[in-house]
Amino acid sequence: MLSKSTSEPGLCYGSCCVRAIGDFSCLFSFIFGMCTFAVSLMAIYTHSEFIQTFGINLYYGMYIVLFASLCIVWIAFIGMCGMTAKNHFFVFILVLGSILLIIVLTAGLLLVIAFPFNSSSAVREVMLKNLKENYGTSALITTAWDHLQSYLLCCAVDDNGWIVWQNSSWFQDGNSMLLDDLQLIPATNPAFQYVPKTCCYRKLDYLTRQLTDEYENLPRCQNWQYGPPKFPSGAHNDALYYRGCLSTIKAYILRFRFWISIFGFACLFFLITSTIIGCITHCKIK
């Protein structure tokens, strides 16, 4: 009787410690799940119109992480309730849900980390196709490209890639003669344009430190006879963006990728801990 009574406080203390670790694991899973959800949502929302317009999914890994992080928030909440109330069903949901979410979140994080290296060539081909065939003919595509170039301060697809505009429908339609669509106006004509105006530098408001809607030098940007955009190289054009939009999008995603990876792997760690503690708790609940 004495040995039994002395062992009961130890068992009770051990159970309380296990339950406390489980509660903290669920709490941190909840917190990091919210952080991952917020960062993923911000990354997707900022350029959602570009994804829909170009018909490509630059953020397929982020969509998976977004879904998984939202589920983690709910599973963590259910887990905390189950641990506190010693509820068989809630703890079972915690264990099963955590195992599934570990698999889904791991897949999403790997896709986010691998994006710039495994799909940039396919993204590049789709962007080039849309630029050449649909810019200037489709209002949706035209607006998306203009927004993309203005927001990211880039031009065309590749770095120093202005020459691709000369192979586009926009170039042919915008520079054709009035009575003969097959003939182009002379390149020395002031109305001749090699690139859209959204490829050009805008003036900076020095009071607000924001870019205005006025351009630095449109004639030089769109039709300069001594270098880009007429030629792939030559004298530097201070009025023209040299960086391509694909490399800019990559850099943008890489900035978000860092925080998604940090919060995502923290979620994984606490999900694994919650799963282990959940299994122990489920076995001990009578």
Protein backbone atom coordinates (compact mmCIF):
# COMPACT_ATOMS: atom_id res chain seq x y z
CA MET A 1 0.00 0.00 0.00
CA LEU A 2 2.84 2.36 0.82
CA SER A 3 4.66 1.78 -2.45
CA LYS A 4 1.44 2.31 -4.38
CA SER A 5 0.66 5.59 -2.63
CA THR A 6 4.17 6.91 -3.15
CA SER A 7 4.15 6.01 -6.85
CA GLU A 8 0.85 7.79 -7.58
CA PRO A 9 2.23 11.35 -7.15
CA GLY A 10 5.07 10.49 -9.53
CA LEU A 11 2.67 9.16 -12.14
CA CYS A 12 0.44 12.20 -11.73
CA TYR A 13 3.44 14.51 -12.06
CA GLY A 14 4.58 12.69 -15.22
CA SER A 15 1.12 12.90 -16.78
CA CYS A 16 0.92 16.62 -16.03
CA CYS A 17 4.33 17.21 -17.60
CA VAL A 18 3.37 15.29 -20.74
CA ARG A 19 0.10 17.19 -21.01
CA ALA A 20 1.89 20.53 -20.46
CA ILE A 21 4.40 19.75 -23.22
CA GLY A 22 1.50 18.81 -25.49
CA ASP A 23 -0.31 22.07 -24.72
CA PHE A 24 2.80 24.13 -25.43
CA SER A 25 3.44 22.21 -28.67
CA CYS A 26 -0.10 22.89 -29.83
CA LEU A 27 0.18 26.54 -28.79
CA PHE A 28 3.39 27.07 -30.76
CA SER A 29 1.93 25.16 -33.71
CA PHE A 30 -1.01 27.58 -33.59
CA ILE A 31 1.27 30.65 -33.47
CA PHE A 32 3.65 29.54 -36.22
CA GLY A 33 0.71 28.32 -38.30
CA MET A 34 -0.79 31.82 -38.16
CA CYS A 35 2.56 33.36 -39.14
CA THR A 36 3.00 30.96 -42.07
CA PHE A 37 -0.56 31.61 -43.23
CA ALA A 38 -0.07 35.40 -43.10
CA VAL A 39 3.21 35.38 -45.06
CA SER A 40 1.90 32.94 -47.69
CA LEU A 41 -1.30 34.93 -48.14
CA MET A 42 0.66 38.16 -48.55
CA ALA A 43 2.94 36.61 -51.19
CA ILE A 44 0.01 35.20 -53.18
CA TYR A 45 -2.30 38.21 -52.87
CA THR A 46 0.29 40.74 -54.06
CA HIS A 47 0.58 39.22 -57.53
CA SER A 48 -2.61 37.17 -57.86
CA GLU A 49 -3.71 38.97 -61.04
CA PHE A 50 -0.46 38.05 -62.79
CA ILE A 51 -0.92 34.36 -61.99
CA GLN A 52 -4.47 34.30 -63.37
CA THR A 53 -3.63 36.37 -66.44
CA PHE A 54 -0.53 34.51 -67.56
CA GLY A 55 -2.19 31.14 -67.05
CA ILE A 56 0.70 29.93 -64.90
CA ASN A 57 0.99 29.15 -61.22
CA LEU A 58 4.14 30.74 -59.90
CA TYR A 59 3.10 29.97 -56.36
CA TYR A 60 1.73 26.42 -56.41
CA GLY A 61 3.93 25.53 -53.44
CA MET A 62 2.69 28.58 -51.56
CA TYR A 63 -0.92 27.54 -52.14
CA ILE A 64 -0.18 24.18 -50.51
CA VAL A 65 1.58 25.87 -47.58
CA LEU A 66 -1.33 28.32 -47.24
CA PHE A 67 -3.86 25.49 -47.03
CA ALA A 68 -1.70 23.43 -44.66
CA SER A 69 -1.03 26.37 -42.33
CA LEU A 70 -4.75 27.15 -42.08
CA CYS A 71 -5.45 23.52 -41.18
CA ILE A 72 -2.61 23.59 -38.63
CA VAL A 73 -4.28 26.49 -36.82
CA TRP A 74 -7.50 24.48 -36.42
CA ILE A 75 -5.76 21.22 -35.54
CA ALA A 76 -3.64 23.00 -32.91
CA PHE A 77 -6.75 24.55 -31.37
CA ILE A 78 -8.52 21.18 -31.29
CA GLY A 79 -5.38 19.62 -29.81
CA MET A 80 -5.21 22.16 -26.97
CA CYS A 81 -8.86 21.51 -26.16
CA GLY A 82 -8.31 17.75 -26.27
CA MET A 83 -5.20 17.85 -24.06
CA THR A 84 -6.86 20.07 -21.47
CA ALA A 85 -10.18 18.19 -21.36
CA LYS A 86 -8.59 14.74 -21.82
CA ASN A 87 -10.96 14.11 -24.71
CA HIS A 88 -10.30 10.87 -26.62
CA PHE A 89 -11.85 12.09 -29.87
CA PHE A 90 -10.07 15.48 -29.97
CA VAL A 91 -6.70 13.90 -29.21
CA PHE A 92 -7.28 11.31 -31.94
CA ILE A 93 -8.11 14.13 -34.40
CA LEU A 94 -4.90 15.89 -33.33
CA VAL A 95 -2.74 12.83 -34.00
CA LEU A 96 -4.35 11.92 -37.32
CA GLY A 97 -4.49 15.52 -38.56
CA SER A 98 -0.91 16.23 -37.54
CA ILE A 99 0.40 13.19 -39.46
CA LEU A 100 -1.44 14.25 -42.62
CA LEU A 101 -0.38 17.89 -42.27
CA ILE A 102 3.27 16.94 -41.74
CA ILE A 103 3.20 15.23 -45.15
CA VAL A 104 1.32 18.06 -46.90
CA LEU A 105 3.36 20.87 -45.34
CA THR A 106 6.65 19.12 -46.13
CA ALA A 107 5.63 18.79 -49.79
CA GLY A 108 4.57 22.45 -49.94
CA LEU A 109 7.79 23.69 -48.34
CA LEU A 110 9.92 21.64 -50.74
CA LEU A 111 8.03 23.13 -53.69
CA VAL A 112 8.48 26.67 -52.34
CA ILE A 113 12.20 26.11 -51.84
CA ALA A 114 12.67 24.49 -55.25
CA PHE A 115 10.56 26.96 -57.32
CA PRO A 116 13.28 29.14 -58.89
CA PHE A 117 15.20 26.09 -60.05
CA ASN A 118 12.59 23.64 -61.37
CA SER A 119 9.99 25.73 -63.17
CA SER A 120 11.53 29.00 -64.30
CA SER A 121 12.04 27.75 -67.88
CA ALA A 122 8.36 26.82 -68.21
CA VAL A 123 7.30 30.15 -66.68
CA ARG A 124 9.62 31.97 -69.09
CA GLU A 125 8.06 30.30 -72.13
CA VAL A 126 4.53 31.20 -71.05
CA MET A 127 5.50 34.81 -70.33
CA LEU A 128 7.19 35.15 -73.73
CA LYS A 129 4.18 33.67 -75.50
CA ASN A 130 1.77 36.04 -73.77
CA LEU A 131 3.96 39.05 -74.43
CA LYS A 132 4.36 38.33 -78.14
CA GLU A 133 0.83 37.21 -78.94
CA ASN A 134 -1.52 38.88 -76.46
CA TYR A 135 -0.01 42.20 -75.35
CA GLY A 136 -1.91 44.98 -77.07
CA THR A 137 -4.67 42.64 -78.29
CA SER A 138 -6.05 41.40 -74.96
CA ALA A 139 -7.03 44.09 -72.45
CA LEU A 140 -6.51 41.72 -69.52
CA ILE A 141 -3.03 40.66 -70.61
CA THR A 142 -2.03 44.23 -71.48
CA THR A 143 -3.14 45.56 -68.09
CA ALA A 144 -1.35 42.74 -66.27
CA TRP A 145 1.92 43.33 -68.14
CA ASP A 146 1.73 47.09 -67.60
CA HIS A 147 1.06 46.58 -63.89
CA LEU A 148 3.86 44.03 -63.63
CA GLN A 149 6.45 46.26 -65.31
CA SER A 150 5.38 49.38 -63.41
CA TYR A 151 5.23 47.67 -60.01
CA LEU A 152 8.43 45.63 -60.27
CA LEU A 153 10.33 48.24 -62.33
CA CYS A 154 11.26 45.75 -65.03
CA CYS A 155 10.97 45.34 -68.80
CA ALA A 156 10.07 42.26 -70.89
CA VAL A 157 11.00 38.79 -69.58
CA ASP A 158 14.78 38.44 -69.46
CA ASP A 159 17.42 40.91 -68.34
CA ASN A 160 18.36 43.21 -71.25
CA GLY A 161 15.55 41.53 -73.20
CA TRP A 162 13.85 44.54 -74.81
CA ILE A 163 14.44 43.09 -78.30
CA VAL A 164 11.59 40.61 -77.72
CA TRP A 165 9.11 43.48 -78.02
CA GLN A 166 10.07 43.81 -81.70
CA ASN A 167 8.65 40.32 -82.28
CA SER A 168 5.30 41.12 -80.68
CA SER A 169 1.89 41.90 -82.14
CA TRP A 170 1.93 45.18 -80.21
CA PHE A 171 5.07 46.33 -82.04
CA GLN A 172 3.63 45.49 -85.46
CA ASP A 173 0.23 47.08 -84.79
CA GLY A 174 1.54 50.18 -83.03
CA ASN A 175 4.18 51.06 -85.61
CA SER A 176 2.35 50.10 -88.82
CA MET A 177 1.45 52.62 -91.48
CA LEU A 178 -2.07 54.00 -91.48
CA LEU A 179 -3.11 52.56 -94.86
CA ASP A 180 -0.83 49.52 -94.96
CA ASP A 181 -0.61 47.29 -91.89
CA LEU A 182 2.26 45.30 -93.39
CA GLN A 183 4.58 48.30 -93.59
CA LEU A 184 6.17 50.01 -90.59
CA ILE A 185 6.70 53.73 -90.24
CA PRO A 186 10.37 54.84 -90.35
CA ALA A 187 12.29 54.19 -87.14
CA THR A 188 13.34 57.85 -87.11
CA ASN A 189 9.69 58.89 -86.78
CA PRO A 190 9.08 60.31 -83.25
CA ALA A 191 5.93 58.15 -83.01
CA PHE A 192 7.92 54.92 -83.47
CA GLN A 193 8.05 52.89 -80.24
CA TYR A 194 10.33 49.95 -79.46
CA VAL A 195 8.95 49.30 -75.97
CA PRO A 196 5.77 50.25 -74.03
CA LYS A 197 6.03 53.24 -71.73
CA THR A 198 5.79 50.98 -68.66
CA CYS A 199 9.38 49.93 -69.46
CA CYS A 200 10.49 53.48 -68.73
CA TYR A 201 11.71 55.14 -65.55
CA ARG A 202 9.19 57.30 -63.73
CA LYS A 203 9.93 60.50 -61.86
CA LEU A 204 10.36 60.39 -58.11
CA ASP A 205 8.49 62.69 -55.76
CA TYR A 206 11.26 63.75 -53.37
CA LEU A 207 8.78 64.80 -50.67
CA THR A 208 6.85 61.54 -50.44
CA ARG A 209 9.66 59.31 -51.81
CA GLN A 210 7.07 57.70 -54.09
CA LEU A 211 7.16 57.24 -57.87
CA THR A 212 4.81 59.50 -59.80
CA ASP A 213 2.89 58.83 -63.03
CA GLU A 214 5.25 61.10 -64.99
CA TYR A 215 8.10 59.54 -66.95
CA GLU A 216 11.71 60.70 -66.97
CA ASN A 217 12.21 60.76 -70.73
CA LEU A 218 9.74 58.83 -72.90
CA PRO A 219 11.28 59.66 -76.31
CA ARG A 220 14.69 58.44 -75.17
CA CYS A 221 13.23 55.36 -73.51
CA GLN A 222 11.01 54.25 -76.40
CA ASN A 223 13.00 55.31 -79.45
CA TRP A 224 16.70 55.94 -78.93
CA GLN A 225 18.89 55.55 -81.97
CA TYR A 226 22.23 54.94 -80.20
CA GLY A 227 21.54 51.87 -78.07
CA PRO A 228 18.76 50.03 -76.23
CA PRO A 229 15.90 49.43 -76.83
CA LYS A 230 16.63 49.62 -80.58
CA PHE A 231 19.78 47.51 -80.19
CA PRO A 232 20.55 44.74 -77.69
CA SER A 233 23.66 46.67 -76.62
CA GLY A 234 25.20 50.09 -77.01
CA ALA A 235 25.30 53.34 -75.07
CA HIS A 236 23.52 53.14 -71.72
CA ASN A 237 19.91 54.35 -71.75
CA ASP A 238 19.16 56.02 -68.41
CA ALA A 239 15.42 56.17 -69.13
CA LEU A 240 14.92 52.41 -69.68
CA TYR A 241 14.62 49.47 -67.28
CA TYR A 242 17.33 46.90 -67.92
CA ARG A 243 16.16 44.20 -65.55
CA GLY A 244 13.74 41.53 -66.82
CA CYS A 245 10.49 40.73 -65.03
CA LEU A 246 11.22 37.01 -64.58
CA SER A 247 14.38 37.60 -62.55
CA THR A 248 12.57 40.28 -60.56
CA ILE A 249 9.71 37.89 -59.75
CA LYS A 250 12.26 35.27 -58.69
CA ALA A 251 13.93 37.74 -56.33
CA TYR A 252 10.53 38.73 -54.96
CA ILE A 253 9.56 35.11 -54.26
CA LEU A 254 12.94 34.37 -52.68
CA ARG A 255 12.35 37.11 -50.11
CA PHE A 256 9.06 35.51 -49.05
CA ARG A 257 10.56 32.03 -49.31
CA PHE A 258 12.95 32.74 -46.45
CA TRP A 259 10.18 33.59 -43.96
CA ILE A 260 7.85 30.85 -45.19
CA SER A 261 10.66 28.33 -44.69
CA ILE A 262 11.45 29.60 -41.17
CA PHE A 263 7.84 29.56 -39.97
CA GLY A 264 6.98 26.40 -41.93
CA PHE A 265 9.78 24.28 -40.49
CA ALA A 266 8.97 25.58 -37.01
CA CYS A 267 5.41 24.34 -37.60
CA LEU A 268 6.78 20.95 -38.66
CA PHE A 269 8.87 20.63 -35.50
CA PHE A 270 5.96 21.38 -33.18
CA LEU A 271 3.57 19.23 -35.24
CA ILE A 272 5.89 16.26 -34.80
CA THR A 273 6.11 16.99 -31.06
CA SER A 274 2.32 17.31 -30.84
CA THR A 275 1.88 13.99 -32.65
CA ILE A 276 4.20 12.15 -30.25
CA ILE A 277 2.63 13.71 -27.15
CA GLY A 278 -0.83 13.12 -28.60
CA CYS A 279 -0.12 9.40 -29.02
CA ILE A 280 1.14 9.15 -25.42
CA THR A 281 -1.87 11.09 -24.10
CA HIS A 282 -4.33 9.03 -26.14
CA CYS A 283 -2.95 5.82 -24.67
CA LYS A 284 -3.11 7.16 -21.08
CA ILE A 285 -6.66 8.55 -21.26
CA LYS A 286 -9.03 6.07 -19.63
